[in-house]
């Protein structure tokens, strides 16, 4: 995650200790989707 690496680097340059930097990534599991065949959801007639 380039953005998070960039922000972490900027925090370190600003003097924030590495032990004080916390982050969490969330969202769709793109790595998992890239390794598995994902079936599209069926389209319901309207």
PDB file of N, CA and C in Angstrom:
ATOM      1  N   UNK A   1       0.826  -1.161   0.000  1.00  0.00           N
ATOM      2  CA  UNK A   1       0.000   0.000   0.000  1.00  0.00           C
ATOM      3  C   UNK A   1       0.886   1.246   0.000  1.00  0.00           C
ATOM      4  N   UNK A   2       1.140   1.729  -1.169  1.00  0.00           N
ATOM      5  CA  UNK A   2       2.066   2.851  -1.314  1.00  0.00           C
ATOM      6  C   UNK A   2       1.691   4.067  -0.472  1.00  0.00           C
ATOM      7  N   UNK A   3       0.416   4.387  -0.400  1.00  0.00           N
ATOM      8  CA  UNK A   3       0.004   5.561   0.363  1.00  0.00           C
ATOM      9  C   UNK A   3       0.390   5.428   1.836  1.00  0.00           C
ATOM     10  N   UNK A   4       0.139   4.262   2.404  1.00  0.00           N
ATOM     11  CA  UNK A   4       0.440   4.063   3.827  1.00  0.00           C
ATOM     12  C   UNK A   4       1.951   4.087   4.072  1.00  0.00           C
ATOM     13  N   UNK A   5       2.724   3.525   3.136  1.00  0.00           N
ATOM     14  CA  UNK A   5       4.181   3.586   3.270  1.00  0.00           C
ATOM     15  C   UNK A   5       4.665   5.033   3.223  1.00  0.00           C
ATOM     16  N   UNK A   6       4.066   5.812   2.326  1.00  0.00           N
ATOM     17  CA  UNK A   6       4.453   7.218   2.203  1.00  0.00           C
ATOM     18  C   UNK A   6       4.136   7.987   3.497  1.00  0.00           C
ATOM     19  N   UNK A   7       2.945   7.809   4.005  1.00  0.00           N
ATOM     20  CA  UNK A   7       2.544   8.512   5.233  1.00  0.00           C
ATOM     21  C   UNK A   7       3.436   8.092   6.399  1.00  0.00           C
ATOM     22  N   UNK A   8       3.743   6.800   6.494  1.00  0.00           N
ATOM     23  CA  UNK A   8       4.617   6.331   7.565  1.00  0.00           C
ATOM     24  C   UNK A   8       5.990   6.996   7.473  1.00  0.00           C
ATOM     25  N   UNK A   9       6.521   7.079   6.263  1.00  0.00           N
ATOM     26  CA  UNK A   9       7.808   7.727   6.063  1.00  0.00           C
ATOM     27  C   UNK A   9       7.778   9.195   6.480  1.00  0.00           C
ATOM     28  N   UNK A  10       6.707   9.872   6.146  1.00  0.00           N
ATOM     29  CA  UNK A  10       6.573  11.278   6.516  1.00  0.00           C
ATOM     30  C   UNK A  10       6.476  11.439   8.038  1.00  0.00           C
ATOM     31  N   UNK A  11       5.768  10.535   8.687  1.00  0.00           N
ATOM     32  CA  UNK A  11       5.670  10.585  10.152  1.00  0.00           C
ATOM     33  C   UNK A  11       7.037  10.368  10.794  1.00  0.00           C
ATOM     34  N   UNK A  12       7.792   9.407  10.270  1.00  0.00           N
ATOM     35  CA  UNK A  12       9.129   9.155  10.809  1.00  0.00           C
ATOM     36  C   UNK A  12      10.027  10.372  10.619  1.00  0.00           C
ATOM     37  N   UNK A  13       9.955  10.992   9.438  1.00  0.00           N
ATOM     38  CA  UNK A  13      10.750  12.200   9.181  1.00  0.00           C
ATOM     39  C   UNK A  13      10.355  13.343  10.113  1.00  0.00           C
ATOM     40  N   UNK A  14       9.092  13.372  10.512  1.00  0.00           N
ATOM     41  CA  UNK A  14       8.598  14.433  11.399  1.00  0.00           C
ATOM     42  C   UNK A  14       8.957  14.168  12.857  1.00  0.00           C
ATOM     43  N   UNK A  15       9.583  13.006  13.117  1.00  0.00           N
ATOM     44  CA  UNK A  15      10.021  12.716  14.476  1.00  0.00           C
ATOM     45  C   UNK A  15       9.112  11.807  15.276  1.00  0.00           C
ATOM     46  N   UNK A  16       8.082  11.280  14.641  1.00  0.00           N
ATOM     47  CA  UNK A  16       7.195  10.345  15.346  1.00  0.00           C
ATOM     48  C   UNK A  16       7.914   8.999  15.452  1.00  0.00           C
ATOM     49  N   UNK A  17       7.943   8.437  16.647  1.00  0.00           N
ATOM     50  CA  UNK A  17       8.608   7.142  16.858  1.00  0.00           C
ATOM     51  C   UNK A  17       7.823   6.030  16.164  1.00  0.00           C
ATOM     52  N   UNK A  18       8.539   5.086  15.575  1.00  0.00           N
ATOM     53  CA  UNK A  18       7.890   3.971  14.870  1.00  0.00           C
ATOM     54  C   UNK A  18       6.916   3.232  15.771  1.00  0.00           C
ATOM     55  N   UNK A  19       7.251   3.110  17.052  1.00  0.00           N
ATOM     56  CA  UNK A  19       6.363   2.389  17.977  1.00  0.00           C
ATOM     57  C   UNK A  19       5.037   3.118  18.195  1.00  0.00           C
ATOM     58  N   UNK A  20       4.983   4.407  17.821  1.00  0.00           N
ATOM     59  CA  UNK A  20       3.767   5.193  18.002  1.00  0.00           C
ATOM     60  C   UNK A  20       2.912   5.282  16.739  1.00  0.00           C
ATOM     61  N   UNK A  21       3.362   4.634  15.681  1.00  0.00           N
ATOM     62  CA  UNK A  21       2.606   4.642  14.424  1.00  0.00           C
ATOM     63  C   UNK A  21       1.796   3.354  14.347  1.00  0.00           C
ATOM     64  N   UNK A  22       0.499   3.519  14.244  1.00  0.00           N
ATOM     65  CA  UNK A  22      -0.410   2.368  14.157  1.00  0.00           C
ATOM     66  C   UNK A  22      -1.304   2.568  12.941  1.00  0.00           C
ATOM     67  N   UNK A  23      -1.588   1.486  12.248  1.00  0.00           N
ATOM     68  CA  UNK A  23      -2.460   1.581  11.094  1.00  0.00           C
ATOM     69  C   UNK A  23      -3.151   0.247  10.879  1.00  0.00           C
ATOM     70  N   UNK A  24      -4.238   0.310  10.133  1.00  0.00           N
ATOM     71  CA  UNK A  24      -5.002  -0.893   9.831  1.00  0.00           C
ATOM     72  C   UNK A  24      -5.528  -0.762   8.408  1.00  0.00           C
ATOM     73  N   UNK A  25      -5.366  -1.785   7.645  1.00  0.00           N
ATOM     74  CA  UNK A  25      -5.886  -1.790   6.281  1.00  0.00           C
ATOM     75  C   UNK A  25      -7.205  -2.560   6.264  1.00  0.00           C
ATOM     76  N   UNK A  26      -8.173  -2.014   5.586  1.00  0.00           N
ATOM     77  CA  UNK A  26      -9.446  -2.712   5.466  1.00  0.00           C
ATOM     78  C   UNK A  26     -10.036  -2.397   4.103  1.00  0.00           C
ATOM     79  N   UNK A  27     -10.919  -3.241   3.678  1.00  0.00           N
ATOM     80  CA  UNK A  27     -11.542  -3.089   2.372  1.00  0.00           C
ATOM     81  C   UNK A  27     -11.617  -4.443   1.700  1.00  0.00           C
ATOM     82  N   UNK A  28     -11.921  -4.451   0.414  1.00  0.00           N
ATOM     83  CA  UNK A  28     -12.016  -5.728  -0.288  1.00  0.00           C
ATOM     84  C   UNK A  28     -10.662  -6.422  -0.330  1.00  0.00           C
ATOM     85  N   UNK A  29     -10.693  -7.721  -0.217  1.00  0.00           N
ATOM     86  CA  UNK A  29      -9.461  -8.504  -0.228  1.00  0.00           C
ATOM     87  C   UNK A  29      -9.030  -8.716  -1.671  1.00  0.00           C
ATOM     88  N   UNK A  30      -8.319  -7.753  -2.227  1.00  0.00           N
ATOM     89  CA  UNK A  30      -7.928  -7.818  -3.629  1.00  0.00           C
ATOM     90  C   UNK A  30      -6.914  -8.914  -3.887  1.00  0.00           C
ATOM     91  N   UNK A  31      -6.063  -9.229  -2.903  1.00  0.00           N
ATOM     92  CA  UNK A  31      -5.088 -10.300  -3.082  1.00  0.00           C
ATOM     93  C   UNK A  31      -5.803 -11.641  -3.190  1.00  0.00           C
ATOM     94  N   UNK A  32      -6.799 -11.848  -2.368  1.00  0.00           N
ATOM     95  CA  UNK A  32      -7.549 -13.096  -2.408  1.00  0.00           C
ATOM     96  C   UNK A  32      -8.279 -13.232  -3.748  1.00  0.00           C
ATOM     97  N   UNK A  33      -8.905 -12.172  -4.185  1.00  0.00           N
ATOM     98  CA  UNK A  33      -9.647 -12.210  -5.439  1.00  0.00           C
ATOM     99  C   UNK A  33      -8.732 -12.517  -6.617  1.00  0.00           C
ATOM    100  N   UNK A  34      -7.491 -12.074  -6.553  1.00  0.00           N
ATOM    101  CA  UNK A  34      -6.552 -12.309  -7.648  1.00  0.00           C
ATOM    102  C   UNK A  34      -6.117 -13.771  -7.727  1.00  0.00           C
ATOM    103  N   UNK A  35      -6.270 -14.515  -6.627  1.00  0.00           N
ATOM    104  CA  UNK A  35      -5.808 -15.902  -6.619  1.00  0.00           C
ATOM    105  C   UNK A  35      -6.938 -16.907  -6.791  1.00  0.00           C
ATOM    106  N   UNK A  36      -8.178 -16.436  -6.770  1.00  0.00           N
ATOM    107  CA  UNK A  36      -9.318 -17.341  -6.878  1.00  0.00           C
ATOM    108  C   UNK A  36     -10.220 -16.906  -8.021  1.00  0.00           C
ATOM    109  N   UNK A  37     -10.926 -17.872  -8.570  1.00  0.00           N
ATOM    110  CA  UNK A  37     -11.929 -17.521  -9.570  1.00  0.00           C
ATOM    111  C   UNK A  37     -13.153 -17.009  -8.813  1.00  0.00           C
ATOM    112  N   UNK A  38     -13.528 -15.795  -9.100  1.00  0.00           N
ATOM    113  CA  UNK A  38     -14.680 -15.192  -8.453  1.00  0.00           C
ATOM    114  C   UNK A  38     -15.839 -15.227  -9.441  1.00  0.00           C
ATOM    115  N   UNK A  39     -16.924 -15.862  -9.022  1.00  0.00           N
ATOM    116  CA  UNK A  39     -18.102 -15.929  -9.884  1.00  0.00           C
ATOM    117  C   UNK A  39     -18.932 -14.666  -9.702  1.00  0.00           C
ATOM    118  N   UNK A  40     -19.380 -14.047 -10.791  1.00  0.00           N
ATOM    119  CA  UNK A  40     -20.220 -12.861 -10.653  1.00  0.00           C
ATOM    120  C   UNK A  40     -21.568 -13.232 -10.046  1.00  0.00           C
ATOM    121  N   UNK A  41     -22.173 -12.290  -9.386  1.00  0.00           N
ATOM    122  CA  UNK A  41     -23.499 -12.511  -8.824  1.00  0.00           C
ATOM    123  C   UNK A  41     -24.504 -12.658  -9.958  1.00  0.00           C
ATOM    124  N   UNK A  42     -25.501 -13.524  -9.794  1.00  0.00           N
ATOM    125  CA  UNK A  42     -26.505 -13.668 -10.845  1.00  0.00           C
ATOM    126  C   UNK A  42     -27.336 -12.381 -10.966  1.00  0.00           C
ATOM    127  N   UNK A  43     -27.734 -12.080 -12.185  1.00  0.00           N
ATOM    128  CA  UNK A  43     -28.570 -10.910 -12.420  1.00  0.00           C
ATOM    129  C   UNK A  43     -30.017 -11.340 -12.322  1.00  0.00           C
ATOM    130  N   UNK A  44     -30.757 -10.630 -11.486  1.00  0.00           N
ATOM    131  CA  UNK A  44     -32.190 -10.952 -11.337  1.00  0.00           C
ATOM    132  C   UNK A  44     -32.994 -10.141 -12.337  1.00  0.00           C
ATOM    133  N   UNK A  45     -33.936 -10.785 -12.982  1.00  0.00           N
ATOM    134  CA  UNK A  45     -34.785 -10.039 -13.927  1.00  0.00           C
ATOM    135  C   UNK A  45     -35.628  -9.012 -13.171  1.00  0.00           C
ATOM    136  N   UNK A  46     -35.873  -7.891 -13.801  1.00  0.00           N
ATOM    137  CA  UNK A  46     -36.700  -6.857 -13.160  1.00  0.00           C
ATOM    138  C   UNK A  46     -38.095  -6.838 -13.666  1.00  0.00           C
TER     139      UNK A  46
END
